[in-house]
Amino acid sequence: MGVNLHLPRSGTGQRTLRLWHVWIVLPAAFATAITVAVGAFFAGWDLLGAQGLKPERQLSATTLFDLVKLSFGVVAGAGALVALVVAYRRQRVDEDGALRDATRLHTERFTTAVSQLGEESAAVRLGGVHALAGLADDAPTPALRQTCIDVLCAYLRLPYTAKADLPAGDADALHGYLALREVRHTVIRLIRDHLRLHCDHSHSWQGHDLDFSNMIFDGGDFSRAEFAGGTVTFNGAEFAGGTVTFDDAEFAGGTVTFDDAKFTGGTVTFDDAKFTGGTIFCMGAGFTGGAVTFNRARFTGGRVFFDVTEFAGGTVTFKGAGFTGGTVTFNGAKFTGGTIFFDVTEFAGGTVTFTSAEFTGGWVTFISARFADGTVSFISSEFAGGMVSFNGTEFSGGAVLFDGAEFSGGAVTFNRARFIGGTVTFDGAEFSSGTVTFNRVEFAGGTVGFSAARGNAPDGLLPPSGQAMPTGLSLPAVWHVIRP
């Protein structure tokens, strides 16, 4: 198996030693020393409150001796200053020479390790992988460490045949696949182990970039990794099988992108992950199978984007998740199939938006969720099919907005929901078909608003006391009575 990888160029990660000429440095040093000495003299003069110098008509032996000592002191100080400047320059030169030697040794080891990645034997390639990881730990500069990481990621991006695409009954092809899979998963495991180290650890890879673009995943473990900086890219990657886990990972900064990724099978899990900062992009991705789970994840900050994503199959779940901050968006997404679960999720803050999304199939469910604060928005969305369910949900605060939405099919249900507070609005919505139901709802507070809505009245609502049931949806701005 051939590997064509670029070695680090000469000077990559190296600093060029730039020292001023000694005939510039020495006068500057003397000028600085004289300035400091004069400043110290006048400061002492002022602190002592001296009014002037006592004149001496005749130079005594003591005074002469003091002048001689002062002269020798000045000469000694000048010599010490010259020695200090020379010693500093020599130290800089020695350090630069040591860095050059370390870089040269690093390049030699790098060349050997990369050549091992090109060997046919899986055992030799495994040795090359571990050698590169160790080389990254010993890299004399961050840039050289990044180079080692880039090579490991580039190895993962090389052409790869998934198990499902192997010739049936070909034992040699299967053995080759299993050997290559072991090497690839070892690379992922080593990356994970280094991301688990605190950013202050000398071997931590936090803050470095990881590029998995267009890679085929059939598994991988990033559990308990900490993403506190840098960029991790899964753009265009295909998740065709196996499980890729980010369970218990912490996203405190940096960016993780899954833009244009293809989820055709397998599972990607963020279960019990903590989102305190940073950003996850999953824009333009395609879900035709498989699953992405954020079960019991905690969102106290950060952002997760599923904008302009197509859900034709598969599942995305946020079951038991907690939102006290942060943002999750599905703006402009198309739901033609598949399921999005927010069941038993607690919204105590933060925002989930489906603005301008299209629902022609599939399910989005908030069953038994609890809204104490925060916002879920379906503003300007189009419901032509599928179902959005808030069955059994408790509304004690926050807002669910369907303002300007168009209901031409499908169903939105609030059956057995409990309204203790908060707001649900359909202001400016249009109901031409489909169903919106509020059956067996408990209403103890809060507001359900239909200001300027048009079409057929939702099922399960009664008009305020003393008003007749309208034939269309010429409803009052707010309805306060809901059928038990």
Protein backbone atom coordinates (compact mmCIF):
# COMPACT_ATOMS: atom_id res chain seq x y z
CA MET A 1 0.00 0.00 0.00
CA GLY A 2 1.66 3.22 -1.13
CA VAL A 3 1.39 6.42 0.82
CA ASN A 4 2.23 9.77 -0.73
CA LEU A 5 2.66 12.24 2.12
CA HIS A 6 4.59 15.48 2.24
CA LEU A 7 7.43 15.88 4.67
CA PRO A 8 7.71 19.09 6.66
CA ARG A 9 9.53 21.73 4.70
CA SER A 10 12.76 23.14 5.91
CA GLY A 11 11.98 25.83 8.43
CA THR A 12 8.46 24.61 9.18
CA GLY A 13 7.95 25.24 12.86
CA GLN A 14 11.41 26.76 13.15
CA ARG A 15 12.07 30.31 14.19
CA THR A 16 14.71 32.23 12.32
CA LEU A 17 17.29 33.59 14.72
CA ARG A 18 17.45 37.34 14.33
CA LEU A 19 20.00 39.20 16.42
CA TRP A 20 20.95 42.85 16.10
CA HIS A 21 24.60 43.64 15.38
CA VAL A 22 26.73 43.84 18.51
CA TRP A 23 27.73 47.47 17.75
CA ILE A 24 24.05 48.36 17.93
CA VAL A 25 23.24 46.29 21.00
CA LEU A 26 26.16 47.50 23.16
CA PRO A 27 25.54 51.26 22.76
CA ALA A 28 21.86 50.64 23.38
CA ALA A 29 22.67 48.64 26.51
CA PHE A 30 25.04 51.34 27.80
CA ALA A 31 22.49 54.07 27.09
CA THR A 32 19.85 52.09 28.98
CA ALA A 33 22.19 51.48 31.92
CA ILE A 34 23.17 55.17 32.13
CA THR A 35 19.51 56.21 31.97
CA VAL A 36 18.61 53.84 34.80
CA ALA A 37 21.57 54.96 36.89
CA VAL A 38 20.76 58.64 36.45
CA GLY A 39 17.14 57.99 37.28
CA ALA A 40 18.10 56.09 40.44
CA PHE A 41 20.54 58.89 41.47
CA PHE A 42 17.96 61.64 41.20
CA ALA A 43 15.31 59.52 42.89
CA GLY A 44 17.66 59.01 45.85
CA TRP A 45 18.56 62.69 45.81
CA ASP A 46 14.88 63.60 46.07
CA LEU A 47 14.12 61.04 48.78
CA LEU A 48 17.03 62.26 50.91
CA GLY A 49 15.91 65.85 50.52
CA ALA A 50 19.39 67.01 49.54
CA GLN A 51 19.67 70.78 48.96
CA GLY A 52 23.01 70.81 47.16
CA LEU A 53 26.58 69.54 47.14
CA LYS A 54 29.07 70.52 49.81
CA PRO A 55 32.03 72.18 48.04
CA GLU A 56 35.60 71.12 48.91
CA ARG A 57 38.40 73.61 48.31
CA GLN A 58 41.10 70.97 48.50
CA LEU A 59 40.93 67.34 47.27
CA SER A 60 41.63 65.03 50.21
CA ALA A 61 43.20 61.57 50.02
CA THR A 62 39.88 60.01 51.05
CA THR A 63 37.98 61.77 48.30
CA LEU A 64 40.64 60.82 45.77
CA PHE A 65 40.45 57.21 46.86
CA ASP A 66 36.64 57.31 46.52
CA LEU A 67 36.99 58.68 43.00
CA VAL A 68 39.40 55.88 42.10
CA LYS A 69 36.99 53.27 43.48
CA LEU A 70 34.14 54.88 41.52
CA SER A 71 36.20 54.75 38.32
CA PHE A 72 37.01 51.08 38.82
CA GLY A 73 33.33 50.41 39.64
CA VAL A 74 32.24 52.06 36.42
CA VAL A 75 34.77 50.04 34.42
CA ALA A 76 33.71 46.81 36.17
CA GLY A 77 30.05 47.57 35.56
CA ALA A 78 30.73 48.25 31.91
CA GLY A 79 32.61 44.99 31.60
CA ALA A 80 29.82 43.11 33.35
CA LEU A 81 27.29 44.69 31.01
CA VAL A 82 29.34 43.66 27.96
CA ALA A 83 29.70 40.13 29.37
CA LEU A 84 25.95 39.96 30.01
CA VAL A 85 25.13 41.02 26.45
CA VAL A 86 27.61 38.52 24.99
CA ALA A 87 26.35 35.72 27.25
CA TYR A 88 22.74 36.42 26.28
CA ARG A 89 23.62 36.33 22.58
CA ARG A 90 25.58 33.12 23.05
CA GLN A 91 22.60 31.57 24.88
CA ARG A 92 20.30 32.56 22.05
CA VAL A 93 22.66 31.03 19.49
CA ASP A 94 22.96 27.83 21.55
CA GLU A 95 19.19 27.57 21.90
CA ASP A 96 18.73 28.08 18.20
CA GLY A 97 21.36 25.44 17.47
CA ALA A 98 19.66 23.01 19.84
CA LEU A 99 16.33 23.69 18.12
CA ARG A 100 17.90 23.07 14.72
CA ASP A 101 19.42 19.81 15.94
CA ALA A 102 16.08 18.73 17.46
CA THR A 103 14.28 19.64 14.25
CA ARG A 104 16.79 17.72 12.15
CA LEU A 105 16.41 14.65 14.37
CA HIS A 106 12.62 15.08 14.27
CA THR A 107 12.69 15.15 10.46
CA GLU A 108 14.78 11.98 10.32
CA ARG A 109 12.41 10.14 12.66
CA PHE A 110 9.44 11.57 10.77
CA THR A 111 10.76 10.18 7.47
CA THR A 112 11.23 6.73 9.00
CA ALA A 113 7.76 6.70 10.57
CA VAL A 114 6.04 7.83 7.36
CA SER A 115 7.84 5.15 5.36
CA GLN A 116 6.44 2.56 7.77
CA LEU A 117 2.91 3.72 6.97
CA GLY A 118 3.52 2.72 3.36
CA GLU A 119 4.46 -0.88 4.16
CA GLU A 120 2.19 -3.78 3.22
CA SER A 121 2.43 -5.38 6.66
CA ALA A 122 -0.27 -4.16 9.05
CA ALA A 123 2.10 -4.73 11.98
CA VAL A 124 4.69 -2.38 10.46
CA ARG A 125 2.03 0.23 9.78
CA LEU A 126 0.88 -0.02 13.39
CA GLY A 127 4.46 0.64 14.43
CA GLY A 128 4.53 3.69 12.16
CA VAL A 129 1.30 4.99 13.69
CA HIS A 130 2.65 4.74 17.23
CA ALA A 131 5.97 6.23 16.12
CA LEU A 132 4.19 9.27 14.64
CA ALA A 133 2.09 9.73 17.80
CA GLY A 134 5.25 9.59 19.94
CA LEU A 135 6.99 11.94 17.54
CA ALA A 136 4.13 14.42 17.90
CA ASP A 137 4.55 14.30 21.67
CA ASP A 138 8.28 15.02 21.36
CA ALA A 139 7.93 17.68 18.65
CA PRO A 140 10.07 20.74 19.44
CA THR A 141 7.43 23.16 18.13
CA PRO A 142 3.61 23.19 17.90
CA ALA A 143 3.85 23.44 14.10
CA LEU A 144 5.85 20.21 13.88
CA ARG A 145 3.36 18.51 16.18
CA GLN A 146 0.55 19.66 13.89
CA THR A 147 2.43 18.15 10.94
CA CYS A 148 2.47 14.72 12.62
CA ILE A 149 -1.23 15.02 13.41
CA ASP A 150 -1.95 16.02 9.81
CA VAL A 151 -0.19 12.90 8.52
CA LEU A 152 -2.19 10.62 10.83
CA CYS A 153 -5.42 12.24 9.65
CA ALA A 154 -4.29 12.02 6.02
CA TYR A 155 -3.75 8.28 6.47
CA LEU A 156 -7.38 7.95 7.58
CA ARG A 157 -8.53 9.85 4.49
CA LEU A 158 -6.84 7.45 2.07
CA PRO A 159 -9.18 5.34 -0.14
CA TYR A 160 -10.92 2.71 1.96
CA THR A 161 -13.38 -0.06 1.11
CA ALA A 162 -16.06 -0.69 3.71
CA LYS A 163 -16.90 -4.24 4.72
CA ALA A 164 -20.26 -4.14 2.96
CA ASP A 165 -18.52 -3.47 -0.36
CA LEU A 166 -16.10 -6.41 -0.17
CA PRO A 167 -16.47 -9.28 -2.69
CA ALA A 168 -18.60 -12.02 -1.22
CA GLY A 169 -16.63 -15.05 -0.06
CA ASP A 170 -13.20 -13.43 -0.62
CA ALA A 171 -11.27 -14.41 2.51
CA ASP A 172 -8.09 -12.54 1.53
CA ALA A 173 -10.04 -9.32 0.95
CA LEU A 174 -11.73 -9.75 4.35
CA HIS A 175 -8.41 -10.31 6.13
CA GLY A 176 -6.91 -7.26 4.43
CA TYR A 177 -9.94 -5.18 5.43
CA LEU A 178 -9.75 -6.31 9.07
CA ALA A 179 -6.01 -5.53 9.24
CA LEU A 180 -6.48 -2.05 7.74
CA ARG A 181 -9.48 -1.42 9.99
CA GLU A 182 -7.33 -2.21 13.05
CA VAL A 183 -4.70 0.32 11.96
CA ARG A 184 -7.32 3.01 11.29
CA HIS A 185 -9.08 2.49 14.62
CA THR A 186 -5.71 2.63 16.39
CA VAL A 187 -5.12 6.08 14.87
CA ILE A 188 -8.53 7.24 16.12
CA ARG A 189 -7.87 5.81 19.58
CA LEU A 190 -4.50 7.58 19.85
CA ILE A 191 -6.08 10.88 18.82
CA ARG A 192 -8.81 10.38 21.44
CA ASP A 193 -6.28 9.59 24.18
CA HIS A 194 -4.40 12.82 23.49
CA LEU A 195 -7.63 14.83 23.48
CA ARG A 196 -8.45 13.44 26.91
CA LEU A 197 -5.34 15.08 28.35
CA HIS A 198 -5.80 18.49 29.92
CA CYS A 199 -4.70 21.37 27.72
CA ASP A 200 -1.84 22.13 30.15
CA HIS A 201 -0.39 18.64 29.69
CA SER A 202 2.75 18.60 27.55
CA HIS A 203 1.33 15.81 25.35
CA SER A 204 -2.18 17.21 24.93
CA TRP A 205 -3.38 17.72 21.36
CA GLN A 206 -6.14 20.12 22.32
CA GLY A 207 -6.10 23.24 20.23
CA HIS A 208 -4.70 21.41 17.19
CA ASP A 209 -6.70 20.85 14.01
CA LEU A 210 -8.01 17.41 13.00
CA ASP A 211 -9.16 16.83 9.42
CA PHE A 212 -11.37 13.79 8.74
CA SER A 213 -12.95 15.26 5.59
CA ASN A 214 -14.45 12.76 3.11
CA MET A 215 -13.38 9.86 5.30
CA ILE A 216 -15.41 6.62 5.44
CA PHE A 217 -16.25 5.73 9.05
CA ASP A 218 -17.10 2.23 10.19
CA GLY A 219 -16.57 3.01 13.86
CA GLY A 220 -14.33 5.06 16.13
CA ASP A 221 -14.16 6.17 19.74
CA PHE A 222 -13.84 9.84 20.80
CA SER A 223 -15.54 9.31 24.15
CA ARG A 224 -14.50 11.60 27.04
CA ALA A 225 -12.43 13.72 24.67
CA GLU A 226 -12.26 17.44 25.39
CA PHE A 227 -12.58 19.91 22.53
CA ALA A 228 -11.34 23.20 23.91
CA GLY A 229 -9.90 24.73 20.75
CA GLY A 230 -8.88 24.10 17.19
CA THR A 231 -11.07 22.74 14.40
CA VAL A 232 -12.22 19.13 13.94
CA THR A 233 -13.58 18.54 10.44
CA PHE A 234 -15.83 15.70 9.31
CA ASN A 235 -17.05 17.54 6.20
CA GLY A 236 -18.19 15.17 3.46
CA ALA A 237 -17.47 12.12 5.63
CA GLU A 238 -19.64 9.04 5.18
CA PHE A 239 -20.91 7.13 8.20
CA ALA A 240 -21.74 3.80 6.62
CA GLY A 241 -21.64 1.47 9.61
CA GLY A 242 -20.37 0.84 13.08
CA THR A 243 -20.51 3.37 15.91
CA VAL A 244 -18.62 6.64 16.27
CA THR A 245 -18.90 7.80 19.86
CA PHE A 246 -18.46 11.22 21.44
CA ASP A 247 -20.08 10.03 24.67
CA ASP A 248 -19.17 12.08 27.77
CA ALA A 249 -17.11 14.40 25.56
CA GLU A 250 -16.91 18.06 26.53
CA PHE A 251 -17.18 20.83 23.97
CA ALA A 252 -15.82 23.92 25.66
CA GLY A 253 -14.47 25.69 22.60
CA GLY A 254 -13.31 25.23 19.05
CA THR A 255 -15.37 23.96 16.14
CA VAL A 256 -16.54 20.49 15.04
CA THR A 257 -18.05 20.35 11.55
CA PHE A 258 -20.09 17.63 9.82
CA ASP A 259 -21.11 19.78 6.83
CA ASP A 260 -22.29 17.73 3.82
CA ALA A 261 -21.65 14.51 5.75
CA LYS A 262 -23.62 11.42 4.70
CA PHE A 263 -25.32 9.29 7.33
CA THR A 264 -26.24 6.14 5.46
CA GLY A 265 -25.85 3.69 8.33
CA GLY A 266 -24.23 3.20 11.66
CA THR A 267 -24.50 5.47 14.68
CA VAL A 268 -22.89 8.70 15.88
CA THR A 269 -23.44 9.28 19.60
CA PHE A 270 -23.02 12.38 21.77
CA ASP A 271 -24.73 10.78 24.78
CA ASP A 272 -24.04 12.50 28.11
CA ALA A 273 -21.84 15.04 26.32
CA LYS A 274 -21.44 18.54 27.76
CA PHE A 275 -21.78 21.57 25.52
CA THR A 276 -20.45 24.58 27.39
CA GLY A 277 -19.05 26.39 24.37
CA GLY A 278 -17.80 25.92 20.86
CA THR A 279 -19.81 25.06 17.75
CA ILE A 280 -20.97 21.91 15.95
CA PHE A 281 -21.97 22.35 12.31
CA CYS A 282 -24.01 19.68 10.55
CA MET A 283 -25.22 21.89 7.70
CA GLY A 284 -26.19 20.38 4.36
CA ALA A 285 -25.79 16.86 5.72
CA GLY A 286 -27.92 14.00 4.43
CA PHE A 287 -29.64 11.50 6.72
CA THR A 288 -30.84 8.46 4.81
CA GLY A 289 -30.12 5.95 7.54
CA GLY A 290 -28.31 5.44 10.79
CA ALA A 291 -28.71 7.51 13.92
CA VAL A 292 -27.24 10.54 15.69
CA THR A 293 -27.95 10.68 19.41
CA PHE A 294 -27.58 13.45 22.01
CA ASN A 295 -29.32 11.52 24.78
CA ARG A 296 -28.89 13.09 28.23
CA ALA A 297 -26.55 15.69 26.76
CA ARG A 298 -26.28 18.99 28.63
CA PHE A 299 -26.43 22.24 26.69
CA THR A 300 -25.33 25.15 28.85
CA GLY A 301 -23.69 27.01 25.98
CA GLY A 302 -22.36 26.55 22.49
CA ARG A 303 -24.27 26.02 19.26
CA VAL A 304 -25.35 23.00 17.17
CA PHE A 305 -26.47 23.64 13.58
CA PHE A 306 -28.50 21.24 11.41
CA ASP A 307 -29.48 24.00 8.99
CA VAL A 308 -30.37 23.11 5.37
CA THR A 309 -30.05 19.43 6.27
CA GLU A 310 -32.20 16.74 4.64
CA PHE A 311 -33.78 14.06 6.80
CA ALA A 312 -34.99 11.29 4.50
CA GLY A 313 -34.42 8.53 7.01
CA GLY A 314 -32.55 7.68 10.14
CA THR A 315 -32.97 9.18 13.59
CA VAL A 316 -31.69 12.15 15.58
CA THR A 317 -32.49 11.97 19.29
CA PHE A 318 -32.16 14.37 22.21
CA LYS A 319 -33.98 12.15 24.73
CA GLY A 320 -33.44 13.27 28.30
CA ALA A 321 -31.25 16.17 27.23
CA GLY A 322 -31.13 19.37 29.24
CA PHE A 323 -31.13 22.85 27.70
CA THR A 324 -30.17 25.64 30.09
CA GLY A 325 -28.41 27.63 27.38
CA GLY A 326 -26.97 27.33 23.94
CA THR A 327 -28.71 26.91 20.58
CA VAL A 328 -29.75 24.00 18.34
CA THR A 329 -31.06 24.97 14.90
CA PHE A 330 -32.81 23.07 12.09
CA ASN A 331 -33.50 26.18 10.01
CA GLY A 332 -34.37 25.44 6.40
CA ALA A 333 -34.12 21.69 6.99
CA LYS A 334 -36.25 19.27 4.95
CA PHE A 335 -38.02 16.43 6.73
CA THR A 336 -39.18 13.83 4.24
CA GLY A 337 -38.67 10.90 6.58
CA GLY A 338 -36.88 9.84 9.71
CA THR A 339 -37.48 10.99 13.26
CA ILE A 340 -36.25 13.76 15.57
CA PHE A 341 -36.83 12.98 19.25
CA PHE A 342 -36.79 15.57 22.04
CA ASP A 343 -38.74 13.29 24.38
CA VAL A 344 -38.36 13.78 28.15
CA THR A 345 -36.14 16.78 27.44
CA GLU A 346 -35.98 19.72 29.81
CA PHE A 347 -35.89 23.25 28.44
CA ALA A 348 -34.82 25.64 31.17
CA GLY A 349 -33.20 28.00 28.71
CA GLY A 350 -31.59 28.07 25.32
CA THR A 351 -33.22 27.88 21.89
CA VAL A 352 -34.27 25.17 19.42
CA THR A 353 -35.39 26.53 16.03
CA PHE A 354 -37.01 24.98 12.94
CA THR A 355 -37.48 28.29 11.13
CA SER A 356 -38.57 27.86 7.48
CA ALA A 357 -38.24 24.08 7.73
CA GLU A 358 -40.29 21.81 5.43
CA PHE A 359 -42.19 18.86 6.90
CA THR A 360 -43.46 16.45 4.25
CA GLY A 361 -42.84 13.28 6.23
CA GLY A 362 -41.21 11.89 9.33
CA TRP A 363 -41.75 12.78 12.98
CA VAL A 364 -40.53 15.48 15.35
CA THR A 365 -41.55 14.68 18.91
CA PHE A 366 -41.36 16.54 22.24
CA ILE A 367 -43.33 13.87 24.15
CA SER A 368 -43.29 14.44 27.93
CA ALA A 369 -40.81 17.27 27.57
CA ARG A 370 -40.79 20.11 30.09
CA PHE A 371 -40.62 23.78 29.11
CA ALA A 372 -39.65 26.04 32.00
CA ASP A 373 -37.90 28.62 29.85
CA GLY A 374 -36.28 29.04 26.47
CA THR A 375 -37.82 28.93 23.00
CA VAL A 376 -38.78 26.35 20.38
CA SER A 377 -39.55 28.02 17.07
CA PHE A 378 -41.32 26.72 13.94
CA ILE A 379 -41.75 30.22 12.51
CA SER A 380 -42.58 30.23 8.76
CA SER A 381 -42.30 26.45 8.54
CA GLU A 382 -44.36 24.41 6.10
CA PHE A 383 -46.29 21.37 7.31
CA ALA A 384 -47.41 19.26 4.33
CA GLY A 385 -46.98 15.88 5.98
CA GLY A 386 -45.45 14.09 8.90
CA MET A 387 -46.12 14.84 12.56
CA VAL A 388 -44.93 17.20 15.26
CA SER A 389 -45.98 16.01 18.71
CA PHE A 390 -46.04 17.81 22.06
CA ASN A 391 -48.16 15.09 23.69
CA GLY A 392 -47.84 14.97 27.45
CA THR A 393 -45.58 18.03 27.49
CA GLU A 394 -45.59 20.44 30.44
CA PHE A 395 -45.47 24.16 29.69
CA SER A 396 -44.56 26.16 32.79
CA GLY A 397 -42.62 28.84 30.93
CA GLY A 398 -40.85 29.63 27.73
CA ALA A 399 -42.44 29.80 24.27
CA VAL A 400 -43.34 27.53 21.35
CA LEU A 401 -43.86 29.58 18.17
CA PHE A 402 -45.67 28.54 14.98
CA ASP A 403 -46.06 32.12 13.77
CA GLY A 404 -46.49 32.38 10.00
CA ALA A 405 -46.42 28.60 9.58
CA GLU A 406 -48.44 26.93 6.81
CA PHE A 407 -50.44 23.79 7.61
CA SER A 408 -51.43 22.00 4.40
CA GLY A 409 -51.05 18.46 5.71
CA GLY A 410 -49.65 16.36 8.49
CA ALA A 411 -50.44 16.85 12.16
CA VAL A 412 -49.36 18.92 15.15
CA THR A 413 -50.59 17.52 18.46
CA PHE A 414 -50.68 18.85 22.02
CA ASN A 415 -52.76 15.99 23.43
CA ARG A 416 -52.64 15.59 27.21
CA ALA A 417 -50.30 18.57 27.47
CA ARG A 418 -50.27 20.65 30.66
CA PHE A 419 -50.27 24.45 30.37
CA ILE A 420 -49.14 25.99 33.65
CA GLY A 421 -47.44 28.97 32.05
CA GLY A 422 -45.55 30.00 28.98
CA THR A 423 -46.84 30.72 25.49
CA VAL A 424 -47.82 28.78 22.37
CA THR A 425 -48.58 31.00 19.37
CA PHE A 426 -49.90 30.40 15.85
CA ASP A 427 -50.00 34.09 14.96
CA GLY A 428 -50.43 34.59 11.22
CA ALA A 429 -50.49 30.83 10.57
CA GLU A 430 -52.56 29.36 7.75
CA PHE A 431 -54.59 26.17 8.21
CA SER A 432 -55.73 24.77 4.87
CA SER A 433 -55.50 21.08 5.69
CA GLY A 434 -53.93 18.73 8.15
CA THR A 435 -54.73 18.74 11.86
CA VAL A 436 -53.72 20.64 14.98
CA THR A 437 -55.15 19.02 18.11
CA PHE A 438 -55.39 20.00 21.79
CA ASN A 439 -57.35 16.98 23.08
CA ARG A 440 -57.53 16.21 26.82
CA VAL A 441 -55.35 19.22 27.66
CA GLU A 442 -54.96 20.60 31.20
CA PHE A 443 -54.96 24.38 31.20
CA ALA A 444 -54.07 26.22 34.40
CA GLY A 445 -52.28 29.22 32.93
CA GLY A 446 -50.23 30.46 30.05
CA THR A 447 -51.42 31.57 26.64
CA VAL A 448 -52.37 29.97 23.33
CA GLY A 449 -52.55 32.62 20.63
CA PHE A 450 -53.97 32.61 17.07
CA SER A 451 -53.77 36.28 16.17
CA ALA A 452 -54.43 36.82 12.42
CA ALA A 453 -54.49 33.05 11.82
CA ARG A 454 -56.50 31.78 8.82
CA GLY A 455 -58.31 28.53 7.99
CA ASN A 456 -60.00 25.78 10.00
CA ALA A 457 -60.10 25.90 13.79
CA PRO A 458 -57.81 23.42 15.55
CA ASP A 459 -59.49 20.39 17.12
CA GLY A 460 -60.05 20.49 20.86
CA LEU A 461 -60.38 24.27 21.34
CA LEU A 462 -63.47 26.06 22.62
CA PRO A 463 -64.09 29.80 22.26
CA PRO A 464 -64.05 32.10 25.27
CA SER A 465 -67.21 32.13 27.38
CA GLY A 466 -70.17 33.82 25.69
CA GLN A 467 -68.79 33.56 22.15
CA ALA A 468 -70.01 31.31 19.38
CA MET A 469 -67.79 28.71 17.70
CA PRO A 470 -66.50 30.28 14.47
CA THR A 471 -66.98 28.48 11.15
CA GLY A 472 -63.45 29.31 10.04
CA LEU A 473 -60.42 30.47 11.94
CA SER A 474 -61.55 34.00 12.64
CA LEU A 475 -60.41 33.45 16.21
CA PRO A 476 -59.79 35.95 18.96
CA ALA A 477 -56.12 36.78 19.51
CA VAL A 478 -55.94 34.45 22.53
CA TRP A 479 -58.00 31.45 23.62
CA HIS A 480 -58.10 30.72 27.33
CA VAL A 481 -60.50 27.78 27.44
CA ILE A 482 -59.39 24.32 26.34
CA ARG A 483 -61.50 21.17 26.43
CA PRO A 484 -60.44 18.88 29.31
